[in-house]
Amino acid sequence: MSRSGIITFKGNPMTLLGEGLAVGSAAPDFTLHYFEGGLKTITKADLLGKPTIISVVPSLDTGVCQIQTKKFNQELAALGDSVNAVTVSCDLPFAQNRFCGAEEVKNMRVGSDYQTGDFGQAWGVMIDELKLHTRSVFVLSSDGTVTYSEIVPEVTNEPNYESALAALKQQL
């Protein structure tokens, strides 16, 4: 399934693959990859038991994606290990690891959907024309239910940090 007219990239309409996630629905399963002394995986099952924020960005090599990741990293520091926090992109795990090291991103894990794009399609955030994820934020309850969902209408704009963080804190 594809959905048109939901987002734009620099004013140009784009098509999202997959169905959108409604608040109250179960988060789809996924496998993301990250680098920490070797390639490892993050799955939905790894996130159960704590509230989770998933910040989705097109690429950590772009300014707005860097701002989004650093802003959430900074804001989440006060919550410590009471929540899970993951930034998802299609960047290679090695590039994600390099960015996090250089920018001291320590309060969020990064997960790469580079191998299959399954996360992007299952979560309805894969931009068909670009084969990148659209900017979005999801909050999950400790049992994996979607409690907050934001697809940013213009990919080059930042998400609503305050709303996403308020939704996360409601889960504590």
N, C-alpha and C. Protein backbone atom coordinates (compact mmCIF):
# COMPACT_ATOMS: atom_id res chain seq x y z
N MET A 1 0.84 -1.18 0.00
CA MET A 1 0.00 0.00 0.00
C MET A 1 0.89 1.24 0.00
N SER A 2 0.44 2.28 -0.68
CA SER A 2 1.16 3.56 -0.66
C SER A 2 0.17 4.68 -0.36
N ARG A 3 0.71 5.75 0.22
CA ARG A 3 -0.12 6.89 0.59
C ARG A 3 0.52 8.15 0.04
N SER A 4 -0.23 8.89 -0.75
CA SER A 4 0.27 10.13 -1.34
C SER A 4 -0.37 11.33 -0.65
N GLY A 5 0.31 12.48 -0.75
CA GLY A 5 -0.25 13.72 -0.25
C GLY A 5 -0.13 13.93 1.25
N ILE A 6 0.57 13.05 1.95
CA ILE A 6 0.72 13.18 3.40
C ILE A 6 1.91 14.05 3.75
N ILE A 7 2.99 13.93 2.96
CA ILE A 7 4.20 14.70 3.23
C ILE A 7 4.71 15.36 1.96
N THR A 8 5.57 16.35 2.19
CA THR A 8 6.31 16.97 1.09
C THR A 8 7.78 17.00 1.48
N PHE A 9 8.63 17.05 0.47
CA PHE A 9 10.06 17.23 0.67
C PHE A 9 10.46 18.43 -0.16
N LYS A 10 10.83 19.51 0.54
CA LYS A 10 11.13 20.79 -0.11
C LYS A 10 9.98 21.23 -1.00
N GLY A 11 8.76 21.02 -0.48
CA GLY A 11 7.55 21.44 -1.18
C GLY A 11 7.01 20.47 -2.20
N ASN A 12 7.76 19.43 -2.52
CA ASN A 12 7.33 18.45 -3.52
C ASN A 12 6.60 17.29 -2.85
N PRO A 13 5.39 16.96 -3.31
CA PRO A 13 4.65 15.84 -2.73
C PRO A 13 5.42 14.52 -2.89
N MET A 14 5.38 13.72 -1.84
CA MET A 14 6.05 12.42 -1.82
C MET A 14 5.04 11.34 -1.46
N THR A 15 5.43 10.10 -1.72
CA THR A 15 4.58 8.94 -1.44
C THR A 15 5.20 8.13 -0.31
N LEU A 16 4.39 7.79 0.68
CA LEU A 16 4.83 6.93 1.77
C LEU A 16 4.36 5.51 1.50
N LEU A 17 5.25 4.56 1.72
CA LEU A 17 4.90 3.15 1.56
C LEU A 17 4.39 2.60 2.88
N GLY A 18 3.45 1.68 2.81
CA GLY A 18 2.89 1.06 4.00
C GLY A 18 1.73 1.86 4.55
N GLU A 19 1.12 1.31 5.59
CA GLU A 19 0.01 1.98 6.24
C GLU A 19 0.53 2.81 7.40
N GLY A 20 -0.17 3.86 7.73
CA GLY A 20 0.21 4.66 8.89
C GLY A 20 -0.15 3.93 10.17
N LEU A 21 0.52 4.27 11.26
CA LEU A 21 0.23 3.68 12.56
C LEU A 21 -0.72 4.57 13.33
N ALA A 22 -1.82 4.00 13.77
CA ALA A 22 -2.79 4.75 14.56
C ALA A 22 -2.46 4.62 16.04
N VAL A 23 -2.72 5.68 16.78
CA VAL A 23 -2.58 5.62 18.23
C VAL A 23 -3.52 4.52 18.72
N GLY A 24 -3.02 3.68 19.61
CA GLY A 24 -3.79 2.56 20.13
C GLY A 24 -3.47 1.24 19.46
N SER A 25 -2.76 1.31 18.33
CA SER A 25 -2.40 0.06 17.64
C SER A 25 -1.11 -0.51 18.22
N ALA A 26 -0.91 -1.80 18.00
CA ALA A 26 0.33 -2.44 18.42
C ALA A 26 1.43 -2.05 17.45
N ALA A 27 2.58 -1.68 17.98
CA ALA A 27 3.72 -1.35 17.12
C ALA A 27 4.14 -2.60 16.36
N PRO A 28 4.42 -2.45 15.06
CA PRO A 28 4.87 -3.60 14.28
C PRO A 28 6.24 -4.10 14.74
N ASP A 29 6.48 -5.38 14.55
CA ASP A 29 7.80 -5.94 14.83
C ASP A 29 8.82 -5.35 13.87
N PHE A 30 10.07 -5.34 14.29
CA PHE A 30 11.14 -4.83 13.43
C PHE A 30 12.47 -5.38 13.91
N THR A 31 13.44 -5.30 13.03
CA THR A 31 14.83 -5.57 13.38
C THR A 31 15.67 -4.45 12.78
N LEU A 32 16.36 -3.73 13.64
CA LEU A 32 17.27 -2.66 13.23
C LEU A 32 18.68 -3.09 13.60
N HIS A 33 19.66 -2.51 12.94
CA HIS A 33 21.06 -2.84 13.20
C HIS A 33 21.79 -1.64 13.76
N TYR A 34 22.74 -1.91 14.65
CA TYR A 34 23.61 -0.85 15.17
C TYR A 34 25.00 -1.41 15.35
N PHE A 35 25.96 -0.51 15.53
CA PHE A 35 27.35 -0.93 15.69
C PHE A 35 27.82 -0.57 17.08
N GLU A 36 28.26 -1.60 17.80
CA GLU A 36 28.86 -1.41 19.12
C GLU A 36 29.85 -2.55 19.32
N GLY A 37 31.06 -2.37 18.83
CA GLY A 37 32.06 -3.43 18.88
C GLY A 37 31.74 -4.57 17.90
N GLY A 38 30.85 -4.34 17.00
CA GLY A 38 30.37 -5.31 16.02
C GLY A 38 28.92 -5.00 15.70
N LEU A 39 28.39 -5.59 14.66
CA LEU A 39 26.99 -5.36 14.31
C LEU A 39 26.08 -6.12 15.26
N LYS A 40 25.08 -5.42 15.78
CA LYS A 40 24.10 -5.99 16.69
C LYS A 40 22.71 -5.56 16.24
N THR A 41 21.68 -6.13 16.87
CA THR A 41 20.31 -5.79 16.48
C THR A 41 19.50 -5.23 17.64
N ILE A 42 18.50 -4.45 17.26
CA ILE A 42 17.47 -3.96 18.17
C ILE A 42 16.15 -4.45 17.58
N THR A 43 15.32 -5.06 18.41
CA THR A 43 14.00 -5.50 17.97
C THR A 43 12.94 -4.87 18.86
N LYS A 44 11.71 -4.98 18.44
CA LYS A 44 10.60 -4.50 19.28
C LYS A 44 10.65 -5.17 20.64
N ALA A 45 10.93 -6.46 20.66
CA ALA A 45 10.98 -7.20 21.93
C ALA A 45 12.00 -6.61 22.90
N ASP A 46 13.09 -6.06 22.37
CA ASP A 46 14.13 -5.45 23.21
C ASP A 46 13.63 -4.20 23.93
N LEU A 47 12.56 -3.60 23.41
CA LEU A 47 12.07 -2.34 23.96
C LEU A 47 10.91 -2.51 24.93
N LEU A 48 10.36 -3.69 25.00
CA LEU A 48 9.21 -3.93 25.88
C LEU A 48 9.64 -3.80 27.34
N GLY A 49 8.72 -3.34 28.17
CA GLY A 49 9.00 -3.21 29.60
C GLY A 49 9.26 -1.79 30.05
N LYS A 50 9.50 -0.90 29.11
CA LYS A 50 9.71 0.52 29.41
C LYS A 50 9.01 1.35 28.33
N PRO A 51 8.56 2.56 28.67
CA PRO A 51 8.07 3.45 27.62
C PRO A 51 9.22 3.73 26.64
N THR A 52 8.86 3.94 25.39
CA THR A 52 9.87 4.11 24.34
C THR A 52 9.51 5.29 23.45
N ILE A 53 10.53 6.05 23.09
CA ILE A 53 10.37 7.07 22.05
C ILE A 53 11.24 6.64 20.87
N ILE A 54 10.63 6.67 19.69
CA ILE A 54 11.34 6.33 18.46
C ILE A 54 11.32 7.57 17.59
N SER A 55 12.48 8.13 17.38
CA SER A 55 12.67 9.33 16.56
C SER A 55 13.19 8.87 15.21
N VAL A 56 12.42 9.12 14.16
CA VAL A 56 12.78 8.65 12.82
C VAL A 56 13.26 9.84 11.99
N VAL A 57 14.41 9.66 11.34
CA VAL A 57 15.00 10.74 10.53
C VAL A 57 15.42 10.18 9.17
N PRO A 58 15.45 11.04 8.15
CA PRO A 58 15.93 10.58 6.84
C PRO A 58 17.41 10.20 6.85
N SER A 59 18.27 11.06 7.40
CA SER A 59 19.70 10.77 7.43
C SER A 59 20.41 11.65 8.45
N LEU A 60 21.26 11.04 9.27
CA LEU A 60 22.02 11.79 10.25
C LEU A 60 23.10 12.66 9.61
N ASP A 61 23.22 12.59 8.30
CA ASP A 61 24.16 13.46 7.58
C ASP A 61 23.54 14.80 7.18
N THR A 62 22.32 15.07 7.65
CA THR A 62 21.68 16.34 7.32
C THR A 62 21.43 17.15 8.59
N GLY A 63 21.41 18.45 8.44
CA GLY A 63 21.32 19.36 9.57
C GLY A 63 20.10 19.18 10.45
N VAL A 64 18.91 19.09 9.86
CA VAL A 64 17.69 18.99 10.66
C VAL A 64 17.66 17.65 11.42
N CYS A 65 18.13 16.59 10.78
CA CYS A 65 18.18 15.28 11.45
C CYS A 65 19.15 15.31 12.62
N GLN A 66 20.26 16.01 12.45
CA GLN A 66 21.22 16.16 13.54
C GLN A 66 20.61 16.95 14.69
N ILE A 67 19.91 18.04 14.36
CA ILE A 67 19.25 18.85 15.39
C ILE A 67 18.25 18.00 16.15
N GLN A 68 17.42 17.25 15.42
CA GLN A 68 16.38 16.42 16.05
C GLN A 68 17.01 15.41 17.00
N THR A 69 18.03 14.73 16.56
CA THR A 69 18.67 13.70 17.38
C THR A 69 19.33 14.30 18.61
N LYS A 70 20.03 15.41 18.43
CA LYS A 70 20.70 16.05 19.57
C LYS A 70 19.69 16.64 20.55
N LYS A 71 18.60 17.19 20.05
CA LYS A 71 17.56 17.77 20.92
C LYS A 71 16.92 16.68 21.79
N PHE A 72 16.52 15.57 21.16
CA PHE A 72 15.94 14.49 21.96
C PHE A 72 16.98 13.92 22.93
N ASN A 73 18.20 13.75 22.49
CA ASN A 73 19.27 13.25 23.37
C ASN A 73 19.40 14.14 24.60
N GLN A 74 19.40 15.43 24.40
CA GLN A 74 19.54 16.39 25.51
C GLN A 74 18.34 16.31 26.45
N GLU A 75 17.14 16.31 25.89
CA GLU A 75 15.92 16.30 26.70
C GLU A 75 15.74 14.99 27.47
N LEU A 76 16.22 13.90 26.90
CA LEU A 76 16.02 12.59 27.53
C LEU A 76 17.02 12.30 28.64
N ALA A 77 18.06 13.11 28.76
CA ALA A 77 19.09 12.88 29.78
C ALA A 77 18.46 12.82 31.18
N ALA A 78 17.48 13.67 31.44
CA ALA A 78 16.86 13.72 32.77
C ALA A 78 16.06 12.46 33.09
N LEU A 79 15.67 11.69 32.07
CA LEU A 79 14.85 10.49 32.30
C LEU A 79 15.70 9.25 32.55
N GLY A 80 16.99 9.35 32.29
CA GLY A 80 17.90 8.23 32.55
C GLY A 80 17.45 6.95 31.88
N ASP A 81 17.56 5.85 32.62
CA ASP A 81 17.22 4.56 32.02
C ASP A 81 15.77 4.15 32.28
N SER A 82 14.92 5.11 32.62
CA SER A 82 13.51 4.80 32.83
C SER A 82 12.74 4.66 31.51
N VAL A 83 13.40 5.05 30.40
CA VAL A 83 12.77 4.94 29.07
C VAL A 83 13.77 4.36 28.08
N ASN A 84 13.23 3.85 26.99
CA ASN A 84 14.05 3.50 25.83
C ASN A 84 13.95 4.64 24.84
N ALA A 85 15.03 4.95 24.18
CA ALA A 85 15.04 6.00 23.17
C ALA A 85 15.89 5.53 21.99
N VAL A 86 15.29 5.57 20.80
CA VAL A 86 15.97 5.08 19.61
C VAL A 86 15.77 6.08 18.48
N THR A 87 16.84 6.41 17.79
CA THR A 87 16.76 7.15 16.53
C THR A 87 16.92 6.13 15.41
N VAL A 88 16.02 6.21 14.43
CA VAL A 88 16.04 5.27 13.31
C VAL A 88 16.28 6.03 12.01
N SER A 89 17.17 5.49 11.18
CA SER A 89 17.40 6.03 9.84
C SER A 89 17.87 4.89 8.95
N CYS A 90 18.09 5.20 7.69
CA CYS A 90 18.65 4.21 6.76
C CYS A 90 20.16 4.35 6.62
N ASP A 91 20.76 5.25 7.41
CA ASP A 91 22.21 5.39 7.40
C ASP A 91 22.85 4.07 7.82
N LEU A 92 24.06 3.81 7.35
CA LEU A 92 24.78 2.62 7.78
C LEU A 92 25.07 2.71 9.28
N PRO A 93 25.06 1.59 9.98
CA PRO A 93 25.33 1.60 11.42
C PRO A 93 26.67 2.25 11.76
N PHE A 94 27.65 2.11 10.89
CA PHE A 94 28.97 2.70 11.15
C PHE A 94 28.91 4.22 11.13
N ALA A 95 28.16 4.78 10.19
CA ALA A 95 27.99 6.24 10.11
C ALA A 95 27.19 6.74 11.31
N GLN A 96 26.16 6.00 11.71
CA GLN A 96 25.39 6.38 12.89
C GLN A 96 26.28 6.41 14.13
N ASN A 97 27.10 5.39 14.29
CA ASN A 97 28.00 5.29 15.43
C ASN A 97 29.00 6.45 15.44
N ARG A 98 29.52 6.77 14.27
CA ARG A 98 30.48 7.88 14.15
C ARG A 98 29.82 9.20 14.56
N PHE A 99 28.59 9.45 14.08
CA PHE A 99 27.86 10.67 14.42
C PHE A 99 27.64 10.75 15.93
N CYS A 100 27.15 9.67 16.52
CA CYS A 100 26.86 9.68 17.96
C CYS A 100 28.11 9.91 18.79
N GLY A 101 29.23 9.34 18.37
CA GLY A 101 30.48 9.57 19.08
C GLY A 101 30.94 11.01 18.98
N ALA A 102 30.87 11.57 17.78
CA ALA A 102 31.31 12.95 17.55
C ALA A 102 30.42 13.96 18.26
N GLU A 103 29.13 13.66 18.36
CA GLU A 103 28.16 14.60 18.95
C GLU A 103 27.79 14.25 20.39
N GLU A 104 28.43 13.24 20.95
CA GLU A 104 28.18 12.80 22.32
C GLU A 104 26.71 12.46 22.57
N VAL A 105 26.10 11.79 21.61
CA VAL A 105 24.73 11.29 21.77
C VAL A 105 24.82 10.00 22.58
N LYS A 106 24.41 10.09 23.85
CA LYS A 106 24.55 8.96 24.76
C LYS A 106 23.22 8.50 25.35
N ASN A 107 22.17 9.28 25.19
CA ASN A 107 20.88 8.97 25.79
C ASN A 107 19.92 8.33 24.81
N MET A 108 20.39 8.11 23.59
CA MET A 108 19.59 7.47 22.56
C MET A 108 20.45 6.41 21.89
N ARG A 109 19.81 5.32 21.53
CA ARG A 109 20.47 4.34 20.68
C ARG A 109 20.11 4.71 19.24
N VAL A 110 20.91 4.24 18.33
CA VAL A 110 20.58 4.44 16.92
C VAL A 110 20.38 3.07 16.29
N GLY A 111 19.42 3.02 15.38
CA GLY A 111 19.14 1.77 14.69
C GLY A 111 19.02 2.03 13.21
N SER A 112 19.65 1.18 12.43
CA SER A 112 19.66 1.34 10.98
C SER A 112 18.71 0.36 10.31
N ASP A 113 17.95 0.88 9.36
CA ASP A 113 17.02 0.08 8.56
C ASP A 113 17.59 -0.13 7.17
N TYR A 114 18.93 -0.11 7.06
CA TYR A 114 19.58 -0.13 5.76
C TYR A 114 19.44 -1.45 5.02
N GLN A 115 19.30 -2.56 5.73
CA GLN A 115 19.33 -3.85 5.05
C GLN A 115 18.08 -4.13 4.22
N THR A 116 16.90 -3.93 4.81
CA THR A 116 15.68 -4.32 4.11
C THR A 116 14.65 -3.21 3.96
N GLY A 117 14.75 -2.19 4.79
CA GLY A 117 13.73 -1.14 4.78
C GLY A 117 12.41 -1.61 5.38
N ASP A 118 12.41 -2.78 6.03
CA ASP A 118 11.18 -3.33 6.60
C ASP A 118 10.56 -2.43 7.66
N PHE A 119 11.40 -1.81 8.50
CA PHE A 119 10.88 -0.89 9.52
C PHE A 119 10.09 0.22 8.82
N GLY A 120 10.71 0.85 7.83
CA GLY A 120 10.08 1.96 7.13
C GLY A 120 8.74 1.60 6.52
N GLN A 121 8.64 0.45 5.92
CA GLN A 121 7.38 0.04 5.30
C GLN A 121 6.35 -0.38 6.35
N ALA A 122 6.78 -1.14 7.37
CA ALA A 122 5.84 -1.60 8.40
C ALA A 122 5.28 -0.44 9.22
N TRP A 123 6.10 0.59 9.41
CA TRP A 123 5.68 1.73 10.21
C TRP A 123 5.09 2.86 9.34
N GLY A 124 5.09 2.67 8.03
CA GLY A 124 4.48 3.64 7.12
C GLY A 124 5.27 4.91 6.95
N VAL A 125 6.61 4.83 7.06
CA VAL A 125 7.44 6.03 7.00
C VAL A 125 8.48 6.00 5.88
N MET A 126 8.45 5.00 5.01
CA MET A 126 9.41 4.92 3.91
C MET A 126 8.93 5.81 2.76
N ILE A 127 9.77 6.76 2.35
CA ILE A 127 9.45 7.62 1.21
C ILE A 127 9.82 6.86 -0.06
N ASP A 128 8.82 6.55 -0.86
CA ASP A 128 9.04 5.72 -2.05
C ASP A 128 10.06 6.36 -2.99
N GLU A 129 9.93 7.64 -3.25
CA GLU A 129 10.78 8.30 -4.22
C GLU A 129 12.24 8.42 -3.77
N LEU A 130 12.48 8.48 -2.48
CA LEU A 130 13.83 8.70 -1.95
C LEU A 130 14.45 7.46 -1.32
N LYS A 131 13.63 6.49 -1.01
CA LYS A 131 14.08 5.28 -0.29
C LYS A 131 14.75 5.65 1.03
N LEU A 132 14.22 6.68 1.67
CA LEU A 132 14.62 7.13 3.00
C LEU A 132 13.37 7.23 3.85
N HIS A 133 13.53 7.30 5.15
CA HIS A 133 12.38 7.47 6.04
C HIS A 133 11.98 8.93 6.11
N THR A 134 10.70 9.15 6.30
CA THR A 134 10.24 10.52 6.53
C THR A 134 10.41 10.86 8.01
N ARG A 135 10.52 12.13 8.29
CA ARG A 135 10.69 12.58 9.67
C ARG A 135 9.42 12.27 10.45
N SER A 136 9.59 11.57 11.56
CA SER A 136 8.44 11.18 12.37
C SER A 136 8.90 10.83 13.78
N VAL A 137 7.92 10.77 14.69
CA VAL A 137 8.20 10.42 16.08
C VAL A 137 7.06 9.53 16.57
N PHE A 138 7.42 8.48 17.28
CA PHE A 138 6.45 7.58 17.87
C PHE A 138 6.78 7.38 19.34
N VAL A 139 5.75 7.26 20.16
CA VAL A 139 5.92 6.89 21.56
C VAL A 139 5.15 5.60 21.76
N LEU A 140 5.80 4.66 22.44
CA LEU A 140 5.18 3.37 22.73
C LEU A 140 5.06 3.19 24.25
N SER A 141 3.98 2.57 24.67
CA SER A 141 3.84 2.20 26.07
C SER A 141 4.78 1.03 26.34
N SER A 142 4.89 0.64 27.59
CA SER A 142 5.80 -0.45 27.95
C SER A 142 5.40 -1.79 27.33
N ASP A 143 4.14 -1.92 26.89
CA ASP A 143 3.72 -3.16 26.23
C ASP A 143 3.76 -3.07 24.70
N GLY A 144 4.30 -1.96 24.16
CA GLY A 144 4.47 -1.83 22.72
C GLY A 144 3.28 -1.25 21.97
N THR A 145 2.37 -0.62 22.69
CA THR A 145 1.23 0.04 22.06
C THR A 145 1.62 1.47 21.67
N VAL A 146 1.23 1.90 20.48
CA VAL A 146 1.52 3.26 20.03
C VAL A 146 0.62 4.22 20.81
N THR A 147 1.26 5.16 21.54
CA THR A 147 0.49 6.15 22.30
C THR A 147 0.63 7.56 21.71
N TYR A 148 1.56 7.72 20.79
CA TYR A 148 1.78 9.01 20.13
C TYR A 148 2.39 8.74 18.77
N SER A 149 1.91 9.48 17.77
CA SER A 149 2.43 9.33 16.41
C SER A 149 2.42 10.68 15.72
N GLU A 150 3.56 11.07 15.20
CA GLU A 150 3.66 12.31 14.43
C GLU A 150 4.44 12.04 13.16
N ILE A 151 3.80 12.28 12.03
CA ILE A 151 4.49 12.29 10.74
C ILE A 151 4.60 13.78 10.40
N VAL A 152 5.81 14.30 10.33
CA VAL A 152 6.01 15.73 10.07
C VAL A 152 5.64 15.99 8.60
N PRO A 153 4.69 16.90 8.34
CA PRO A 153 4.19 17.10 6.97
C PRO A 153 5.25 17.53 5.95
N GLU A 154 6.19 18.36 6.36
CA GLU A 154 7.29 18.78 5.48
C GLU A 154 8.56 18.17 6.05
N VAL A 155 9.20 17.31 5.28
CA VAL A 155 10.35 16.53 5.77
C VAL A 155 11.47 17.43 6.30
N THR A 156 11.62 18.63 5.76
CA THR A 156 12.72 19.50 6.18
C THR A 156 12.41 20.27 7.47
N ASN A 157 11.22 20.10 8.04
CA ASN A 157 10.85 20.75 9.29
C ASN A 157 11.12 19.83 10.47
N GLU A 158 11.28 20.42 11.65
CA GLU A 158 11.49 19.66 12.87
C GLU A 158 10.16 19.15 13.42
N PRO A 159 10.20 18.08 14.22
CA PRO A 159 8.97 17.57 14.84
C PRO A 159 8.55 18.44 16.02
N ASN A 160 7.42 18.10 16.61
CA ASN A 160 6.93 18.79 17.80
C ASN A 160 7.54 18.09 19.02
N TYR A 161 8.70 18.59 19.43
CA TYR A 161 9.43 17.97 20.53
C TYR A 161 8.60 17.94 21.82
N GLU A 162 7.95 19.06 22.12
CA GLU A 162 7.22 19.18 23.38
C GLU A 162 6.10 18.15 23.47
N SER A 163 5.33 17.98 22.40
CA SER A 163 4.23 17.01 22.40
C SER A 163 4.75 15.58 22.54
N ALA A 164 5.80 15.27 21.82
CA ALA A 164 6.35 13.92 21.88
C ALA A 164 6.89 13.62 23.28
N LEU A 165 7.61 14.56 23.86
CA LEU A 165 8.17 14.33 25.19
C LEU A 165 7.08 14.27 26.25
N ALA A 166 6.04 15.09 26.10
CA ALA A 166 4.91 15.03 27.04
C ALA A 166 4.23 13.67 26.95
N ALA A 167 4.06 13.15 25.75
CA ALA A 167 3.44 11.82 25.58
C ALA A 167 4.30 10.74 26.21
N LEU A 168 5.63 10.86 26.08
CA LEU A 168 6.52 9.89 26.69
C LEU A 168 6.42 9.95 28.22
N LYS A 169 6.45 11.15 28.76
CA LYS A 169 6.42 11.32 30.23
C LYS A 169 5.10 10.84 30.82
N GLN A 170 4.02 10.88 30.03
CA GLN A 170 2.73 10.36 30.51
C GLN A 170 2.78 8.86 30.75
N GLN A 171 3.72 8.19 30.10
CA GLN A 171 3.85 6.74 30.23
C GLN A 171 4.63 6.33 31.48
N LEU A 172 5.27 7.29 32.13
CA LEU A 172 6.09 6.96 33.32
C LEU A 172 5.25 6.78 34.56
